[in-house]
Amino acid sequence: MKKLILKISITSFLCIVAFLFIWSVIPTAEECEIYNSTIRLHVIANSDSEKDQSAKLKVRDAIIEHISGYESDSKEETLAMIASDKDAIEEIARQALEKEGISDTVSLKLGKESYPVREYEGFSLPAGEYTSVRLVIGEGEGQ
């Protein structure tokens, strides 16, 4: 009888652990809204060198400045604008790199990408899969 009770207890424990794990990875309604309404920009530097990381931030700023001028009513419309403006965005990135004395290639891709939790001034974005504008500089081996 003791063995049966122990097995039930272990089984119950495993069920509770499994439930808690599943519960922790299911996004809340608020997180789903964030995932469905947010486009994340991910600029990946050529390397982790100080120069490449600094240039990455200049590229990021130039792209944000450019796309902040878009006027759209939806995420889908914004994505369509980015897709149609891909060549211009890549050129803006190249020009920002040239100002830093860097002649690396750049490549912009749209898609889905998993992101960790990210803290910004005044707000944070939960970890999860987001629609992503991914700009890779050179070999893209940096952060």
N, C-alpha and C. Protein backbone atom coordinates (compact mmCIF):
# COMPACT_ATOMS: atom_id res chain seq x y z
N MET A 1 0.82 -1.20 0.00
CA MET A 1 0.00 0.00 0.00
C MET A 1 0.86 1.26 0.00
N LYS A 2 1.97 1.28 0.73
CA LYS A 2 2.83 2.46 0.77
C LYS A 2 3.42 2.75 -0.60
N LYS A 3 3.78 1.72 -1.35
CA LYS A 3 4.35 1.93 -2.67
C LYS A 3 3.32 2.58 -3.60
N LEU A 4 2.09 2.19 -3.52
CA LEU A 4 1.04 2.77 -4.35
C LEU A 4 0.84 4.24 -4.02
N ILE A 5 0.83 4.58 -2.76
CA ILE A 5 0.69 5.98 -2.35
C ILE A 5 1.87 6.80 -2.86
N LEU A 6 3.08 6.26 -2.76
CA LEU A 6 4.26 6.95 -3.24
C LEU A 6 4.18 7.18 -4.75
N LYS A 7 3.72 6.18 -5.50
CA LYS A 7 3.59 6.33 -6.95
C LYS A 7 2.55 7.38 -7.30
N ILE A 8 1.47 7.40 -6.60
CA ILE A 8 0.45 8.41 -6.86
C ILE A 8 1.01 9.79 -6.54
N SER A 9 1.73 9.91 -5.46
CA SER A 9 2.30 11.19 -5.09
C SER A 9 3.32 11.66 -6.12
N ILE A 10 4.16 10.79 -6.61
CA ILE A 10 5.14 11.15 -7.63
C ILE A 10 4.42 11.52 -8.92
N THR A 11 3.42 10.75 -9.30
CA THR A 11 2.66 11.05 -10.51
C THR A 11 1.96 12.40 -10.37
N SER A 12 1.35 12.63 -9.24
CA SER A 12 0.68 13.92 -9.01
C SER A 12 1.69 15.06 -9.07
N PHE A 13 2.84 14.86 -8.44
CA PHE A 13 3.88 15.88 -8.46
C PHE A 13 4.31 16.18 -9.89
N LEU A 14 4.54 15.15 -10.69
CA LEU A 14 4.96 15.34 -12.08
C LEU A 14 3.89 16.05 -12.89
N CYS A 15 2.64 15.74 -12.63
CA CYS A 15 1.54 16.42 -13.32
C CYS A 15 1.51 17.90 -12.96
N ILE A 16 1.71 18.20 -11.70
CA ILE A 16 1.72 19.59 -11.26
C ILE A 16 2.89 20.33 -11.90
N VAL A 17 4.06 19.72 -11.91
CA VAL A 17 5.23 20.34 -12.52
C VAL A 17 4.98 20.57 -14.00
N ALA A 18 4.43 19.57 -14.68
CA ALA A 18 4.14 19.71 -16.12
C ALA A 18 3.13 20.83 -16.35
N PHE A 19 2.11 20.90 -15.53
CA PHE A 19 1.11 21.96 -15.65
C PHE A 19 1.74 23.33 -15.47
N LEU A 20 2.55 23.47 -14.44
CA LEU A 20 3.19 24.75 -14.17
C LEU A 20 4.14 25.15 -15.31
N PHE A 21 4.85 24.18 -15.87
CA PHE A 21 5.74 24.48 -17.00
C PHE A 21 4.93 24.97 -18.19
N ILE A 22 3.87 24.23 -18.52
CA ILE A 22 3.04 24.61 -19.66
C ILE A 22 2.42 25.98 -19.40
N TRP A 23 1.93 26.21 -18.20
CA TRP A 23 1.33 27.48 -17.84
C TRP A 23 2.32 28.63 -18.01
N SER A 24 3.59 28.38 -17.68
CA SER A 24 4.59 29.46 -17.75
C SER A 24 4.98 29.82 -19.17
N VAL A 25 4.79 28.92 -20.13
CA VAL A 25 5.19 29.21 -21.50
C VAL A 25 4.02 29.66 -22.38
N ILE A 26 2.80 29.57 -21.88
CA ILE A 26 1.65 30.04 -22.63
C ILE A 26 1.57 31.56 -22.46
N PRO A 27 1.58 32.29 -23.57
CA PRO A 27 1.54 33.74 -23.44
C PRO A 27 0.19 34.23 -22.92
N THR A 28 0.24 35.30 -22.16
CA THR A 28 -0.98 35.92 -21.67
C THR A 28 -1.64 36.67 -22.82
N ALA A 29 -2.87 37.10 -22.62
CA ALA A 29 -3.57 37.88 -23.64
C ALA A 29 -2.80 39.16 -23.95
N GLU A 30 -2.25 39.79 -22.91
CA GLU A 30 -1.47 41.02 -23.10
C GLU A 30 -0.21 40.74 -23.93
N GLU A 31 0.47 39.62 -23.65
CA GLU A 31 1.66 39.28 -24.42
C GLU A 31 1.29 38.98 -25.87
N CYS A 32 0.19 38.28 -26.09
CA CYS A 32 -0.26 37.99 -27.46
C CYS A 32 -0.51 39.28 -28.23
N GLU A 33 -1.13 40.25 -27.57
CA GLU A 33 -1.38 41.55 -28.20
C GLU A 33 -0.06 42.23 -28.58
N ILE A 34 0.91 42.15 -27.68
CA ILE A 34 2.22 42.75 -27.98
C ILE A 34 2.86 42.04 -29.17
N TYR A 35 2.83 40.69 -29.18
CA TYR A 35 3.43 39.94 -30.29
C TYR A 35 2.75 40.29 -31.61
N ASN A 36 1.42 40.44 -31.55
CA ASN A 36 0.65 40.68 -32.78
C ASN A 36 0.71 42.11 -33.28
N SER A 37 1.16 43.03 -32.45
CA SER A 37 1.17 44.43 -32.88
C SER A 37 2.57 45.03 -32.98
N THR A 38 3.59 44.26 -32.70
CA THR A 38 4.94 44.79 -32.64
C THR A 38 5.82 44.23 -33.75
N ILE A 39 6.61 45.10 -34.32
CA ILE A 39 7.66 44.70 -35.26
C ILE A 39 8.97 45.04 -34.58
N ARG A 40 9.82 44.04 -34.40
CA ARG A 40 11.11 44.26 -33.73
C ARG A 40 12.20 44.47 -34.78
N LEU A 41 13.07 45.40 -34.51
CA LEU A 41 14.24 45.64 -35.36
C LEU A 41 15.43 44.99 -34.69
N HIS A 42 16.12 44.15 -35.46
CA HIS A 42 17.29 43.45 -34.94
C HIS A 42 18.45 43.72 -35.89
N VAL A 43 19.36 44.56 -35.46
CA VAL A 43 20.57 44.85 -36.24
C VAL A 43 21.69 44.02 -35.65
N ILE A 44 22.31 43.21 -36.50
CA ILE A 44 23.37 42.30 -36.05
C ILE A 44 24.70 42.80 -36.61
N ALA A 45 25.62 43.08 -35.72
CA ALA A 45 26.93 43.63 -36.11
C ALA A 45 27.79 42.57 -36.78
N ASN A 46 28.77 43.03 -37.53
CA ASN A 46 29.74 42.13 -38.17
C ASN A 46 30.49 41.31 -37.13
N SER A 47 30.85 41.96 -36.01
CA SER A 47 31.60 41.28 -34.95
C SER A 47 31.25 41.95 -33.62
N ASP A 48 31.87 41.49 -32.58
CA ASP A 48 31.68 42.09 -31.26
C ASP A 48 32.74 43.14 -30.94
N SER A 49 33.53 43.52 -31.94
CA SER A 49 34.54 44.56 -31.69
C SER A 49 33.83 45.86 -31.32
N GLU A 50 34.52 46.70 -30.59
CA GLU A 50 33.95 47.98 -30.16
C GLU A 50 33.52 48.81 -31.37
N LYS A 51 34.35 48.83 -32.42
CA LYS A 51 34.05 49.60 -33.63
C LYS A 51 32.78 49.09 -34.30
N ASP A 52 32.67 47.76 -34.45
CA ASP A 52 31.49 47.19 -35.11
C ASP A 52 30.22 47.38 -34.28
N GLN A 53 30.33 47.27 -32.96
CA GLN A 53 29.17 47.48 -32.10
C GLN A 53 28.71 48.94 -32.14
N SER A 54 29.66 49.85 -32.17
CA SER A 54 29.33 51.27 -32.25
C SER A 54 28.65 51.57 -33.60
N ALA A 55 29.19 51.00 -34.67
CA ALA A 55 28.61 51.20 -36.01
C ALA A 55 27.20 50.62 -36.07
N LYS A 56 26.99 49.48 -35.42
CA LYS A 56 25.66 48.86 -35.40
C LYS A 56 24.63 49.83 -34.82
N LEU A 57 25.00 50.52 -33.76
CA LEU A 57 24.07 51.46 -33.13
C LEU A 57 23.78 52.65 -34.05
N LYS A 58 24.77 53.09 -34.81
CA LYS A 58 24.55 54.18 -35.77
C LYS A 58 23.60 53.72 -36.87
N VAL A 59 23.78 52.48 -37.32
CA VAL A 59 22.88 51.92 -38.34
C VAL A 59 21.46 51.82 -37.78
N ARG A 60 21.35 51.29 -36.58
CA ARG A 60 20.02 51.17 -35.94
C ARG A 60 19.33 52.53 -35.88
N ASP A 61 20.05 53.54 -35.41
CA ASP A 61 19.47 54.87 -35.29
C ASP A 61 19.03 55.43 -36.64
N ALA A 62 19.85 55.23 -37.66
CA ALA A 62 19.51 55.73 -39.01
C ALA A 62 18.26 55.04 -39.55
N ILE A 63 18.15 53.74 -39.32
CA ILE A 63 16.98 53.00 -39.79
C ILE A 63 15.73 53.44 -39.04
N ILE A 64 15.84 53.58 -37.73
CA ILE A 64 14.68 54.02 -36.94
C ILE A 64 14.23 55.40 -37.38
N GLU A 65 15.18 56.28 -37.62
CA GLU A 65 14.82 57.62 -38.08
C GLU A 65 14.07 57.55 -39.40
N HIS A 66 14.54 56.70 -40.31
CA HIS A 66 13.90 56.58 -41.62
C HIS A 66 12.49 55.99 -41.51
N ILE A 67 12.36 54.87 -40.81
CA ILE A 67 11.04 54.22 -40.80
C ILE A 67 10.05 54.91 -39.87
N SER A 68 10.54 55.77 -38.99
CA SER A 68 9.60 56.51 -38.13
C SER A 68 8.79 57.50 -38.95
N GLY A 69 9.22 57.79 -40.16
CA GLY A 69 8.48 58.66 -41.06
C GLY A 69 7.33 57.97 -41.78
N TYR A 70 7.25 56.66 -41.66
CA TYR A 70 6.15 55.93 -42.30
C TYR A 70 4.83 56.30 -41.63
N GLU A 71 3.79 56.40 -42.42
CA GLU A 71 2.45 56.59 -41.89
C GLU A 71 1.62 55.39 -42.30
N SER A 72 1.20 54.61 -41.31
CA SER A 72 0.40 53.42 -41.62
C SER A 72 -0.61 53.20 -40.50
N ASP A 73 -1.62 52.39 -40.82
CA ASP A 73 -2.69 52.11 -39.87
C ASP A 73 -2.60 50.72 -39.25
N SER A 74 -1.64 49.92 -39.72
CA SER A 74 -1.58 48.55 -39.21
C SER A 74 -0.15 48.01 -39.31
N LYS A 75 0.07 46.96 -38.58
CA LYS A 75 1.36 46.27 -38.64
C LYS A 75 1.60 45.74 -40.05
N GLU A 76 0.57 45.18 -40.65
CA GLU A 76 0.69 44.61 -41.99
C GLU A 76 1.07 45.68 -43.02
N GLU A 77 0.44 46.85 -42.90
CA GLU A 77 0.76 47.94 -43.81
C GLU A 77 2.20 48.41 -43.61
N THR A 78 2.63 48.48 -42.36
CA THR A 78 4.01 48.87 -42.08
C THR A 78 4.99 47.86 -42.66
N LEU A 79 4.69 46.57 -42.49
CA LEU A 79 5.56 45.53 -43.07
C LEU A 79 5.64 45.64 -44.58
N ALA A 80 4.52 45.92 -45.21
CA ALA A 80 4.50 46.07 -46.67
C ALA A 80 5.36 47.27 -47.08
N MET A 81 5.29 48.34 -46.30
CA MET A 81 6.10 49.52 -46.60
C MET A 81 7.58 49.21 -46.45
N ILE A 82 7.93 48.48 -45.40
CA ILE A 82 9.33 48.11 -45.18
C ILE A 82 9.82 47.22 -46.32
N ALA A 83 8.99 46.24 -46.70
CA ALA A 83 9.37 45.33 -47.78
C ALA A 83 9.58 46.09 -49.09
N SER A 84 8.71 47.04 -49.40
CA SER A 84 8.85 47.79 -50.64
C SER A 84 10.01 48.80 -50.58
N ASP A 85 10.42 49.13 -49.37
CA ASP A 85 11.49 50.10 -49.15
C ASP A 85 12.83 49.43 -48.80
N LYS A 86 12.89 48.11 -48.98
CA LYS A 86 14.05 47.31 -48.56
C LYS A 86 15.37 47.87 -49.10
N ASP A 87 15.42 48.16 -50.39
CA ASP A 87 16.66 48.65 -51.00
C ASP A 87 17.10 49.98 -50.39
N ALA A 88 16.14 50.87 -50.14
CA ALA A 88 16.46 52.17 -49.55
C ALA A 88 16.96 52.00 -48.12
N ILE A 89 16.36 51.09 -47.37
CA ILE A 89 16.80 50.85 -45.99
C ILE A 89 18.21 50.29 -45.97
N GLU A 90 18.48 49.34 -46.86
CA GLU A 90 19.84 48.80 -46.94
C GLU A 90 20.84 49.89 -47.32
N GLU A 91 20.45 50.79 -48.21
CA GLU A 91 21.35 51.88 -48.61
C GLU A 91 21.59 52.84 -47.44
N ILE A 92 20.57 53.12 -46.66
CA ILE A 92 20.72 53.96 -45.47
C ILE A 92 21.71 53.32 -44.50
N ALA A 93 21.60 52.00 -44.34
CA ALA A 93 22.53 51.27 -43.47
C ALA A 93 23.96 51.36 -44.00
N ARG A 94 24.13 51.18 -45.32
CA ARG A 94 25.47 51.27 -45.92
C ARG A 94 26.06 52.66 -45.72
N GLN A 95 25.24 53.69 -45.90
CA GLN A 95 25.73 55.06 -45.72
C GLN A 95 26.15 55.32 -44.27
N ALA A 96 25.37 54.80 -43.33
CA ALA A 96 25.73 54.96 -41.91
C ALA A 96 27.05 54.26 -41.62
N LEU A 97 27.26 53.09 -42.23
CA LEU A 97 28.53 52.37 -42.04
C LEU A 97 29.69 53.14 -42.68
N GLU A 98 29.47 53.68 -43.88
CA GLU A 98 30.52 54.43 -44.57
C GLU A 98 30.98 55.62 -43.74
N LYS A 99 30.05 56.28 -43.04
CA LYS A 99 30.41 57.41 -42.17
C LYS A 99 31.34 56.96 -41.05
N GLU A 100 31.29 55.67 -40.73
CA GLU A 100 32.15 55.11 -39.68
C GLU A 100 33.40 54.47 -40.27
N GLY A 101 33.58 54.60 -41.60
CA GLY A 101 34.74 54.03 -42.26
C GLY A 101 34.64 52.53 -42.47
N ILE A 102 33.43 52.02 -42.57
CA ILE A 102 33.21 50.57 -42.73
C ILE A 102 32.51 50.33 -44.06
N SER A 103 33.00 49.34 -44.79
CA SER A 103 32.41 49.03 -46.10
C SER A 103 31.77 47.64 -46.13
N ASP A 104 31.29 47.16 -45.00
CA ASP A 104 30.65 45.84 -44.94
C ASP A 104 29.36 45.82 -45.74
N THR A 105 28.98 44.63 -46.15
CA THR A 105 27.70 44.44 -46.81
C THR A 105 26.59 44.51 -45.77
N VAL A 106 25.38 44.74 -46.24
CA VAL A 106 24.21 44.69 -45.37
C VAL A 106 23.12 43.90 -46.06
N SER A 107 22.33 43.22 -45.27
CA SER A 107 21.25 42.40 -45.81
C SER A 107 20.04 42.49 -44.88
N LEU A 108 18.92 42.92 -45.43
CA LEU A 108 17.70 43.06 -44.65
C LEU A 108 16.75 41.91 -44.97
N LYS A 109 16.20 41.31 -43.92
CA LYS A 109 15.23 40.22 -44.09
C LYS A 109 14.06 40.45 -43.15
N LEU A 110 12.88 40.10 -43.62
CA LEU A 110 11.68 40.15 -42.79
C LEU A 110 11.30 38.73 -42.44
N GLY A 111 10.82 38.52 -41.23
CA GLY A 111 10.40 37.18 -40.83
C GLY A 111 10.01 37.14 -39.37
N LYS A 112 9.98 35.95 -38.82
CA LYS A 112 9.70 35.74 -37.40
C LYS A 112 11.00 35.40 -36.71
N GLU A 113 11.14 35.90 -35.49
CA GLU A 113 12.36 35.64 -34.73
C GLU A 113 12.02 35.61 -33.24
N SER A 114 12.66 34.72 -32.52
CA SER A 114 12.46 34.64 -31.07
C SER A 114 13.37 35.64 -30.38
N TYR A 115 12.82 36.35 -29.41
CA TYR A 115 13.55 37.36 -28.66
C TYR A 115 13.45 37.07 -27.17
N PRO A 116 14.49 37.40 -26.43
CA PRO A 116 14.41 37.32 -24.96
C PRO A 116 13.66 38.55 -24.43
N VAL A 117 13.40 38.56 -23.14
CA VAL A 117 12.82 39.75 -22.51
C VAL A 117 13.77 40.92 -22.77
N ARG A 118 13.21 42.08 -23.08
CA ARG A 118 14.04 43.25 -23.35
C ARG A 118 13.50 44.43 -22.55
N GLU A 119 14.36 45.02 -21.75
CA GLU A 119 13.99 46.18 -20.93
C GLU A 119 14.42 47.45 -21.66
N TYR A 120 13.49 48.38 -21.77
CA TYR A 120 13.76 49.70 -22.34
C TYR A 120 13.42 50.73 -21.27
N GLU A 121 13.70 51.98 -21.56
CA GLU A 121 13.33 53.04 -20.61
C GLU A 121 11.82 53.12 -20.52
N GLY A 122 11.28 52.79 -19.37
CA GLY A 122 9.85 52.95 -19.14
C GLY A 122 8.96 51.78 -19.52
N PHE A 123 9.48 50.77 -20.22
CA PHE A 123 8.67 49.61 -20.56
C PHE A 123 9.58 48.43 -20.89
N SER A 124 8.94 47.26 -20.98
CA SER A 124 9.70 46.07 -21.38
C SER A 124 8.86 45.27 -22.35
N LEU A 125 9.53 44.48 -23.16
CA LEU A 125 8.86 43.57 -24.08
C LEU A 125 9.10 42.15 -23.60
N PRO A 126 8.04 41.35 -23.54
CA PRO A 126 8.20 39.98 -23.06
C PRO A 126 8.96 39.13 -24.07
N ALA A 127 9.56 38.06 -23.57
CA ALA A 127 10.20 37.09 -24.46
C ALA A 127 9.13 36.47 -25.34
N GLY A 128 9.52 36.12 -26.55
CA GLY A 128 8.57 35.46 -27.44
C GLY A 128 8.96 35.62 -28.89
N GLU A 129 8.07 35.15 -29.75
CA GLU A 129 8.31 35.22 -31.19
C GLU A 129 7.62 36.46 -31.75
N TYR A 130 8.40 37.27 -32.43
CA TYR A 130 7.92 38.53 -32.99
C TYR A 130 8.16 38.57 -34.49
N THR A 131 7.36 39.38 -35.18
CA THR A 131 7.69 39.75 -36.54
C THR A 131 8.94 40.60 -36.44
N SER A 132 9.89 40.33 -37.33
CA SER A 132 11.20 40.95 -37.17
C SER A 132 11.73 41.52 -38.47
N VAL A 133 12.33 42.70 -38.36
CA VAL A 133 13.14 43.28 -39.42
C VAL A 133 14.56 43.03 -38.98
N ARG A 134 15.25 42.17 -39.69
CA ARG A 134 16.59 41.74 -39.30
C ARG A 134 17.59 42.27 -40.33
N LEU A 135 18.50 43.11 -39.86
CA LEU A 135 19.52 43.66 -40.73
C LEU A 135 20.88 43.12 -40.29
N VAL A 136 21.52 42.38 -41.18
CA VAL A 136 22.80 41.76 -40.86
C VAL A 136 23.90 42.57 -41.54
N ILE A 137 24.88 42.94 -40.73
CA ILE A 137 26.04 43.69 -41.22
C ILE A 137 27.19 42.72 -41.42
N GLY A 138 27.79 42.73 -42.61
CA GLY A 138 28.95 41.87 -42.90
C GLY A 138 28.65 40.42 -42.63
N GLU A 139 29.51 39.78 -41.84
CA GLU A 139 29.36 38.36 -41.51
C GLU A 139 28.27 38.10 -40.47
N GLY A 140 27.85 39.14 -39.80
CA GLY A 140 26.78 39.00 -38.80
C GLY A 140 27.16 38.12 -37.63
N GLU A 141 28.42 38.20 -37.20
CA GLU A 141 28.89 37.34 -36.11
C GLU A 141 28.93 38.07 -34.77
N GLY A 142 28.41 39.29 -34.74
CA GLY A 142 28.38 40.05 -33.50
C GLY A 142 27.00 39.98 -32.86
N GLN A 143 26.87 40.75 -31.82
CA GLN A 143 25.56 40.80 -31.15
C GLN A 143 24.65 41.74 -31.87
